[in-house]
Amino acid sequence: VWGGSVYVEERTVDVHIRRLRKTLEPHQLENMVQTVRGSGYRFSASM
């Protein structure tokens, strides 16, 4: 996603997901981003 010459820290994706959920929250859409244990995240239109 960020390319090869960018330093990405361990929690970078988690931070971006948290920010995305916070942005979606006022619209009651924060549950669109779901955590999949042992795998990562998924986006779901059905909530």
Protein backbone atom coordinates (compact mmCIF):
# COMPACT_ATOMS: atom_id res chain seq x y z
CA VAL A 1 0.00 0.00 0.00
CA TRP A 2 2.72 2.48 0.97
CA GLY A 3 5.46 1.26 -1.37
CA GLY A 4 8.95 -0.01 -0.63
CA SER A 5 10.75 3.16 0.42
CA VAL A 6 8.37 4.12 3.24
CA TYR A 7 8.99 3.17 6.86
CA VAL A 8 5.79 1.62 8.21
CA GLU A 9 5.57 0.99 11.94
CA GLU A 10 3.94 -2.04 13.51
CA ARG A 11 0.68 -0.28 14.42
CA THR A 12 0.28 1.86 11.27
CA VAL A 13 -2.69 -0.07 9.88
CA ASP A 14 -4.38 -0.17 13.29
CA VAL A 15 -4.04 3.60 13.64
CA HIS A 16 -5.57 4.19 10.21
CA ILE A 17 -8.46 1.79 10.94
CA ARG A 18 -9.13 3.59 14.23
CA ARG A 19 -9.18 6.95 12.43
CA LEU A 20 -11.48 5.56 9.74
CA ARG A 21 -13.92 4.22 12.35
CA LYS A 22 -13.88 7.57 14.16
CA THR A 23 -14.69 9.34 10.87
CA LEU A 24 -17.56 6.93 10.17
CA GLU A 25 -18.96 7.09 13.72
CA PRO A 26 -21.06 10.30 13.37
CA HIS A 27 -22.88 8.57 10.51
CA GLN A 28 -23.42 5.33 12.51
CA LEU A 29 -21.22 3.49 10.00
CA GLU A 30 -18.25 2.54 12.21
CA ASN A 31 -19.34 -1.12 12.16
CA MET A 32 -18.65 -1.28 8.42
CA VAL A 33 -15.02 -1.92 9.34
CA GLN A 34 -14.87 -5.28 11.08
CA THR A 35 -11.92 -6.91 12.82
CA VAL A 36 -11.22 -10.47 11.67
CA ARG A 37 -9.22 -12.16 14.42
CA GLY A 38 -5.99 -13.67 13.16
CA SER A 39 -6.48 -12.18 9.70
CA GLY A 40 -6.97 -8.42 9.70
CA TYR A 41 -9.95 -6.28 8.75
CA ARG A 42 -12.86 -6.43 6.35
CA PHE A 43 -15.38 -3.94 5.08
CA SER A 44 -19.00 -4.99 5.24
CA ALA A 45 -21.98 -3.19 3.73
CA SER A 46 -24.38 -5.33 5.77
CA MET A 47 -24.45 -4.49 9.47
